[in-house]
Protein backbone atom coordinates (compact mmCIF):
# COMPACT_ATOMS: atom_id res chain seq x y z
CA MET A 1 172.74 -45.76 236.30
CA ILE A 2 170.47 -47.56 233.59
CA LYS A 3 166.36 -47.62 235.17
CA ASN A 4 164.60 -50.82 234.03
CA ILE A 5 160.97 -50.62 234.32
CA ALA A 6 158.55 -53.96 234.00
CA LEU A 7 155.17 -52.87 232.31
CA GLU A 8 153.91 -56.60 232.49
CA VAL A 9 155.34 -59.77 234.41
CA ALA A 10 153.15 -62.91 233.97
CA ARG A 11 153.31 -64.59 237.17
CA LEU A 12 157.12 -63.59 237.89
CA VAL A 13 159.27 -64.75 240.37
CA LYS A 14 162.25 -62.92 241.11
CA THR A 15 165.26 -63.90 243.09
CA GLU A 16 167.59 -61.33 244.74
CA GLU A 17 170.75 -62.02 241.88
CA ASN A 18 168.13 -63.34 239.08
CA THR A 19 165.35 -63.11 237.12
CA LEU A 20 163.43 -65.92 236.62
CA ILE A 21 160.69 -66.73 233.91
CA PRO A 22 157.83 -69.31 235.26
CA GLU A 23 157.82 -72.85 233.61
CA ALA A 24 154.38 -72.85 233.10
CA ALA A 25 153.43 -72.73 229.19
CA ALA A 26 150.31 -70.57 230.09
CA ALA A 27 152.69 -67.58 230.96
CA PRO A 28 156.04 -68.10 229.00
CA VAL A 29 156.55 -64.26 228.38
CA LEU A 30 158.41 -62.12 230.19
CA GLN A 31 157.28 -58.49 229.13
CA THR A 32 159.89 -55.51 229.86
CA LYS A 33 161.14 -52.62 228.50
CA ALA A 34 163.53 -50.15 229.65
CA ILE A 35 163.65 -46.43 228.97
CA GLU A 36 167.43 -46.66 227.70
CA GLU A 37 168.22 -46.74 224.38
CA LEU A 38 171.38 -45.85 222.77
CA LYS A 39 171.65 -44.37 219.11
CA THR A 40 174.64 -43.47 217.32
CA GLU A 41 174.55 -39.97 215.07
CA ASP A 42 175.75 -41.86 211.68
CA GLY A 43 173.19 -44.09 212.58
CA THR A 44 175.41 -47.56 212.92
CA LEU A 45 174.37 -48.41 216.14
CA TYR A 46 171.31 -48.93 218.08
CA LEU A 47 171.04 -50.59 221.10
CA MET A 48 168.41 -51.26 223.68
CA ASN A 49 167.69 -52.22 227.10
CA TRP A 50 164.66 -54.26 226.39
CA SER A 51 163.43 -57.86 225.48
CA ALA A 52 163.56 -59.39 222.42
CA ALA A 53 160.22 -59.23 221.29
CA ASP A 54 159.62 -55.51 222.17
CA CYS A 55 162.90 -55.04 220.63
CA ILE A 56 162.02 -56.75 217.00
CA LYS A 57 158.54 -55.56 217.11
CA SER A 58 160.28 -51.86 217.26
CA LEU A 59 161.96 -52.09 214.28
CA PRO A 60 160.44 -51.63 210.37
CA LYS A 61 159.71 -54.11 208.03
CA GLU A 62 162.47 -55.98 205.85
CA CYS A 63 165.40 -53.91 207.34
CA LEU A 64 167.80 -56.83 208.66
CA GLN A 65 170.35 -59.13 206.72
CA CYS A 66 171.86 -61.10 209.35
CA VAL A 67 170.13 -62.03 212.71
CA ILE A 68 172.76 -63.84 215.30
CA CYS A 69 170.53 -65.22 218.31
CA ASP A 70 172.08 -66.77 221.18
CA PRO A 71 169.17 -67.30 223.62
CA PRO A 72 169.38 -68.42 227.23
CA PHE A 73 168.91 -72.40 226.68
CA GLY A 74 166.51 -73.15 229.34
CA LEU A 75 169.08 -75.21 231.38
CA GLY A 76 168.87 -73.01 234.74
CA GLU A 77 171.98 -70.93 233.35
CA ASP A 78 171.65 -68.86 236.42
CA THR A 79 172.98 -71.66 238.54
CA PHE A 80 175.82 -72.20 236.60
CA ASP A 81 178.60 -70.31 238.51
CA LYS A 82 178.24 -73.69 241.28
CA HIS A 83 179.26 -76.00 238.67
CA TYR A 84 182.11 -73.76 237.35
CA ALA A 85 183.30 -72.69 240.97
CA ARG A 86 182.83 -69.04 239.63
CA GLU A 87 180.82 -67.57 242.51
CA LYS A 88 183.92 -66.13 244.64
CA ASP A 89 185.62 -64.13 241.45
CA GLY A 90 183.19 -61.57 241.11
CA LEU A 91 183.68 -61.40 237.89
CA VAL A 92 180.06 -63.31 236.23
CA THR A 93 177.66 -60.20 236.26
CA LYS A 94 174.28 -61.10 238.14
CA GLY A 95 171.00 -60.74 236.78
CA TYR A 96 171.14 -63.34 233.91
CA VAL A 97 167.54 -63.73 233.06
CA THR A 98 166.38 -67.45 232.21
CA ALA A 99 164.23 -69.16 230.30
CA PRO A 100 161.89 -71.89 230.82
CA GLU A 101 162.91 -75.27 231.39
CA GLY A 102 159.92 -77.07 230.21
CA ALA A 103 159.53 -78.08 226.86
CA ALA A 104 155.85 -76.84 226.18
CA ALA A 105 156.59 -73.27 228.33
CA TYR A 106 160.17 -73.29 226.20
CA GLU A 107 158.45 -73.30 222.69
CA ALA A 108 156.04 -70.89 223.81
CA TRP A 109 158.61 -68.67 224.94
CA CYS A 110 160.56 -69.02 221.60
CA LYS A 111 157.24 -68.02 219.62
CA THR A 112 157.09 -64.70 221.25
CA TRP A 113 160.38 -63.29 219.46
CA ILE A 114 160.96 -66.11 216.27
CA HIS A 115 157.64 -65.29 214.91
CA GLU A 116 158.44 -61.69 214.84
CA LEU A 117 161.33 -62.33 212.50
CA PRO A 118 160.09 -63.08 209.14
CA ARG A 119 158.49 -59.74 209.65
CA VAL A 120 161.85 -57.88 209.72
CA LEU A 121 163.87 -59.96 207.61
CA LYS A 122 164.96 -58.86 204.11
CA PRO A 123 163.54 -61.41 201.27
CA ASP A 124 167.65 -62.53 201.13
CA GLY A 125 168.41 -62.43 205.03
CA THR A 126 169.66 -64.86 207.27
CA VAL A 127 168.83 -65.65 210.40
CA TYR A 128 171.28 -67.90 212.68
CA ILE A 129 169.64 -69.39 216.10
CA ILE A 130 172.26 -70.97 218.46
CA CYS A 131 170.86 -73.80 221.05
CA ALA A 132 171.60 -76.61 222.95
CA TRP A 133 170.35 -80.59 222.19
CA ASN A 134 167.75 -79.86 225.04
CA HIS A 135 165.50 -77.40 223.26
CA LEU A 136 166.70 -78.04 219.86
CA CYS A 137 162.95 -79.56 218.86
CA ASP A 138 161.43 -76.58 220.46
CA VAL A 139 163.28 -74.06 218.73
CA GLU A 140 162.48 -75.66 215.12
CA LEU A 141 158.76 -76.11 215.93
CA ALA A 142 158.79 -72.24 216.81
CA ILE A 143 160.41 -72.03 213.50
CA ARG A 144 158.25 -74.00 211.30
CA SER A 145 155.33 -72.20 212.92
CA ALA A 146 156.03 -68.59 212.53
CA PRO A 147 153.69 -66.59 210.35
CA ALA A 148 153.82 -66.00 206.78
CA PRO A 149 156.09 -65.37 204.73
CA GLY A 150 157.65 -67.58 207.68
CA LEU A 151 161.16 -69.29 207.98
CA SER A 152 163.12 -72.10 206.84
CA VAL A 153 165.92 -74.11 207.84
CA LEU A 154 168.46 -74.07 205.34
CA ASN A 155 171.64 -75.43 207.27
CA HIS A 156 172.04 -77.48 210.81
CA CYS A 157 175.50 -76.71 211.82
CA ILE A 158 177.37 -78.13 214.70
CA TRP A 159 179.65 -75.95 216.60
CA LYS A 160 182.38 -78.57 218.59
CA TYR A 161 184.22 -76.69 221.15
CA ASN A 162 187.38 -77.72 223.30
CA PHE A 163 185.25 -78.69 226.56
CA GLY A 164 182.45 -79.65 228.24
CA VAL A 165 181.06 -80.34 231.70
CA TYR A 166 182.58 -83.51 232.68
CA THR A 167 180.49 -86.21 234.06
CA GLN A 168 180.36 -89.94 234.82
CA LYS A 169 176.65 -90.78 233.95
CA LYS A 170 176.40 -89.72 230.63
CA PHE A 171 178.55 -88.47 227.41
CA VAL A 172 180.28 -85.18 228.04
CA SER A 173 178.20 -82.28 225.72
CA SER A 174 180.74 -80.65 223.87
CA HIS A 175 178.80 -79.20 221.21
CA TYR A 176 176.02 -76.60 220.29
CA HIS A 177 173.52 -76.41 217.32
CA ILE A 178 173.33 -73.65 214.95
CA LEU A 179 169.90 -73.33 212.85
CA ARG A 180 170.86 -71.31 209.80
CA CYS A 181 167.01 -70.10 208.47
CA GLY A 182 165.54 -68.02 205.33
CA ARG A 183 162.55 -66.19 205.11
CA GLY A 184 159.64 -67.86 203.33
CA ASP A 185 160.32 -71.63 201.67
CA LEU A 186 163.18 -70.83 199.70
CA ARG A 187 162.26 -71.89 196.53
CA SER A 188 162.26 -68.70 195.04
CA LYS A 189 164.83 -66.80 197.08
CA VAL A 190 167.57 -68.24 198.98
CA PRO A 191 169.30 -66.21 201.44
CA ALA A 192 172.87 -64.44 200.45
CA PHE A 193 175.95 -66.64 200.71
CA TYR A 194 179.52 -64.88 200.35
CA ASN A 195 181.06 -68.13 199.72
CA ARG A 196 184.72 -66.43 199.43
CA ALA A 197 184.55 -64.63 202.71
CA PHE A 198 187.34 -65.99 203.71
CA PHE A 199 188.93 -68.49 201.17
CA ASN A 200 188.66 -68.25 197.11
CA GLU A 201 188.21 -71.45 194.96
CA THR A 202 191.61 -72.46 194.82
CA GLU A 203 193.41 -71.57 197.86
CA ARG A 204 194.82 -74.77 199.47
CA VAL A 205 197.42 -75.86 201.80
CA ALA A 206 199.10 -79.31 201.46
CA GLY A 207 198.00 -81.70 203.81
CA GLU A 208 194.68 -79.73 204.07
CA GLY A 209 192.71 -80.02 200.83
CA ASN A 210 190.74 -77.13 199.65
CA LEU A 211 190.49 -74.37 202.15
CA GLN A 212 187.16 -72.83 201.07
CA TYR A 213 185.63 -76.37 201.15
CA ARG A 214 186.85 -77.22 204.78
CA ASP A 215 185.64 -73.81 205.87
CA MET A 216 182.31 -74.10 204.68
CA GLU A 217 181.81 -77.75 206.15
CA ASP A 218 178.89 -77.86 208.75
CA VAL A 219 180.74 -78.66 211.56
CA PHE A 220 182.71 -75.40 213.56
CA VAL A 221 185.64 -76.65 215.66
CA ILE A 222 186.57 -73.35 217.38
CA PRO A 223 187.59 -73.13 220.86
CA LYS A 224 185.90 -71.44 223.53
CA GLU A 225 187.11 -68.19 224.94
CA PHE A 226 188.08 -68.33 228.51
CA ALA A 227 188.39 -64.61 229.00
CA GLN A 228 190.26 -64.58 232.59
CA GLY A 229 190.24 -61.92 234.82
CA GLU A 230 187.36 -60.07 232.84
CA LYS A 231 183.74 -59.15 233.61
CA LYS A 232 181.42 -61.55 231.72
CA ASN A 233 177.83 -62.74 231.35
CA VAL A 234 177.18 -66.67 232.54
CA ASN A 235 178.55 -67.62 229.03
CA LYS A 236 180.33 -65.82 225.97
CA LEU A 237 180.56 -67.33 222.27
CA PRO A 238 184.26 -66.82 220.52
CA ASP A 239 184.57 -63.79 218.52
CA ALA A 240 185.48 -66.02 215.63
CA LEU A 241 182.36 -67.74 215.53
CA ILE A 242 180.53 -64.83 215.18
CA HIS A 243 182.63 -63.33 212.88
CA LYS A 244 182.49 -66.31 210.50
CA LEU A 245 178.59 -66.61 210.65
CA MET A 246 178.42 -62.46 210.01
CA ASN A 247 180.78 -62.77 206.99
CA TYR A 248 179.49 -65.65 205.39
CA SER A 249 175.95 -63.78 205.40
CA SER A 250 176.11 -60.26 205.70
CA LYS A 251 178.87 -57.62 203.68
CA PRO A 252 179.71 -54.21 205.02
CA GLY A 253 177.56 -51.44 205.65
CA ASP A 254 174.44 -54.66 205.96
CA LEU A 255 172.46 -54.28 209.48
CA VAL A 256 173.17 -57.16 211.55
CA ALA A 257 171.28 -57.83 214.62
CA ASP A 258 171.31 -59.77 218.40
CA PHE A 259 168.58 -59.73 220.31
CA PHE A 260 170.34 -61.64 222.86
CA LEU A 261 173.44 -59.70 223.52
CA GLY A 262 174.74 -61.11 226.70
CA ASN A 263 178.44 -60.09 226.50
CA PHE A 264 177.84 -58.08 223.31
CA THR A 265 180.06 -60.38 221.25
CA THR A 266 177.85 -60.12 218.24
CA ALA A 267 178.13 -56.40 218.86
CA TYR A 268 181.52 -55.58 219.01
CA VAL A 269 182.41 -58.22 215.99
CA ALA A 270 179.80 -56.40 213.74
CA ARG A 271 181.05 -52.97 214.51
CA ARG A 272 184.47 -53.86 213.92
CA GLY A 273 183.48 -55.73 210.87
CA GLY A 274 181.88 -52.21 209.31
CA ARG A 275 178.34 -53.35 209.75
CA ARG A 276 175.38 -51.25 210.89
CA PHE A 277 173.75 -53.02 214.38
CA VAL A 278 170.75 -53.30 216.00
CA GLY A 279 170.32 -55.61 219.57
CA CYS A 280 168.99 -55.45 222.96
CA GLU A 281 169.81 -56.84 226.00
CA LEU A 282 167.67 -57.28 229.02
CA ASN A 283 169.59 -57.42 232.02
CA PRO A 284 170.42 -53.79 232.88
CA LYS A 285 173.76 -54.68 234.30
CA THR A 286 175.11 -56.17 231.41
CA TYR A 287 173.87 -53.71 229.24
CA ALA A 288 175.21 -50.80 231.57
CA LEU A 289 178.55 -53.29 231.36
CA HIS A 290 178.90 -52.98 227.31
CA ALA A 291 176.46 -50.68 225.77
CA LYS A 292 178.30 -47.48 226.02
CA ALA A 293 181.93 -49.44 225.36
CA VAL A 294 180.39 -50.99 221.83
CA SER A 295 179.43 -47.30 221.06
CA ASN A 296 183.11 -45.88 221.50
CA ILE A 297 184.30 -48.09 218.78
CA VAL A 298 185.33 -46.07 215.91
CA PHE A 299 182.88 -47.29 212.83
CA PRO A 300 185.05 -48.73 209.88
CA THR A 301 184.20 -47.81 206.35
CA ASP A 302 187.45 -49.71 204.52
CA VAL A 303 186.45 -53.32 205.40
CA PRO A 304 187.08 -55.54 202.74
CA HIS A 305 184.40 -58.06 201.62
CA GLU A 306 185.38 -61.21 199.61
CA LYS A 307 188.11 -62.85 198.38
CA GLU A 308 188.50 -62.43 194.36
CA SER A 309 187.14 -65.39 192.42
CA THR A 310 189.68 -67.82 190.81
CA LYS A 311 186.67 -69.68 189.55
CA PRO A 312 187.71 -70.55 185.93
CA GLU A 313 185.62 -68.25 183.04
CA ASN A 314 183.79 -70.58 181.76
CA ALA A 315 183.18 -72.79 184.57
CA GLY A 316 178.95 -73.77 184.66
CA GLN A 317 178.64 -72.74 180.87
CA PRO A 318 177.69 -75.72 178.81
CA LEU A 319 179.88 -77.55 176.66
CA SER A 320 179.23 -77.80 173.17
CA GLU A 321 180.34 -81.16 170.94
CA GLU A 322 183.22 -79.16 168.93
CA GLU A 323 184.84 -77.81 172.36
CA ARG A 324 184.69 -81.56 173.94
CA LYS A 325 186.40 -82.46 170.52
CA LYS A 326 188.85 -79.95 170.81
CA ILE A 327 189.38 -80.80 174.61
CA VAL A 328 190.03 -84.42 174.15
CA ALA A 329 192.29 -83.40 171.23
CA ARG A 330 194.44 -81.36 172.81
CA PHE A 331 194.75 -83.53 176.05
CA ASP A 332 196.04 -86.37 173.78
CA ALA A 333 198.43 -84.19 172.43
CA LEU A 334 200.02 -83.31 175.55
CA ARG A 335 200.28 -86.58 176.61
CA THR A 336 201.96 -87.53 173.25
CA PRO A 337 205.85 -88.04 173.53
CA GLY A 338 207.61 -85.38 171.69
CA ALA A 339 210.92 -85.88 169.79
CA ASP A 340 212.68 -85.91 173.63
CA LYS A 341 210.50 -89.01 173.69
CA LYS A 342 208.98 -87.54 177.16
CA SER A 343 205.35 -86.81 177.42
CA MET A 344 203.82 -84.61 179.88
CA THR A 345 202.10 -85.98 183.26
CA LYS A 346 198.52 -85.68 183.45
CA LYS A 347 198.72 -83.80 186.35
CA ASP A 348 200.58 -81.09 184.35
CA ALA A 349 198.23 -81.61 181.08
CA MET A 350 194.97 -80.89 183.52
CA LEU A 351 196.87 -77.87 184.01
CA VAL A 352 197.24 -76.45 181.07
CA LEU A 353 193.86 -77.67 179.96
CA GLU A 354 191.95 -75.73 182.94
CA LYS A 355 194.07 -72.47 181.63
CA GLU A 356 193.41 -72.74 178.25
CA PHE A 357 189.80 -73.47 178.21
CA GLY A 358 188.89 -71.82 181.13
CA ARG A 359 187.03 -75.03 182.43
CA GLY A 360 187.16 -76.03 186.25
CA HIS A 361 188.96 -79.79 186.91
CA PHE A 362 186.27 -82.04 187.64
CA SER A 363 184.17 -80.89 184.62
CA LEU A 364 187.69 -81.78 182.57
CA VAL A 365 188.10 -85.17 184.63
CA ASN A 366 184.34 -85.79 183.69
CA LEU A 367 184.99 -84.84 179.98
CA LEU A 368 188.14 -86.93 179.77
CA LYS A 369 186.72 -89.98 181.73
CA ALA A 370 183.74 -90.15 178.98
CA ALA A 371 186.29 -90.37 176.25
CA LYS A 372 188.11 -92.89 178.06
CA ARG A 373 191.27 -90.95 178.77
């Protein structure tokens, strides 16, 4: 049995099934530590039944490559069972810890853990914070006020899922926001980004265009997972969403973290993906349900990373005037009818130029356009 010890609770209200953080901005912090910790002998996993702020404070400086957090949204999630008719199936784990619903209180609560992140994040590390529209502003204010070296938002992504709560008096909410942040002002060093995590530069499917481009668009269309008949927390992020964020911002062997584990999705995905992992979950019942199962996953050491690049060898290199003339002359030769009175199509000629000169398609298009070809 896991024992949870509350050290300090500011005007804490406890119900039989849930622990609520008060809405008053003056007392937004639930400081709780548990005596339960789980470490693997090889140092690839470290889980705590602690609060987010306590967990982050316990970590050494500049140790995290990628942080993925899905904190409580301040929507009264402890009442969601009523909306989804899930109270009777007994599959939703009790003890969900909510966050303040008021704007000022939610911002103050976010500061208790967001302000701890710059210290533990590597200079090229990434933080992903998933939030709903109602407290998006409060999360951003907490990010902007983080102490030196600070945090900066690099991308504002949208996760579009497959269903929302039906309503007749307003538009149905069917998306969440994902803020991708780096350490500092990002002028000197940007977060690591592995753009060939899933596709290389030239992978295409008929009718769908360039797959790398499509996958890197900042609107993610990923269905929710239902996990029917399984024990679960109030909400569960899809494995595919976590896999996407993690693979674009870390490589096997890197240290990944999540300080609101919930269903432990990030922990499961990270461990199966060969990432070392550290994280915490405040709800002792959820922690007990998943911690041991995550530690039982055999840590893989042969996980592939990025795909090989198919980028032309001279892409990005400046073009000399001599090379410009050679490319134009070669293009004209390819397009000039031969003895059979046939000429190469412009499309085929471009493919030849790309291969012979090691240049990207659009750089050649622009060069030939300037030469009025």
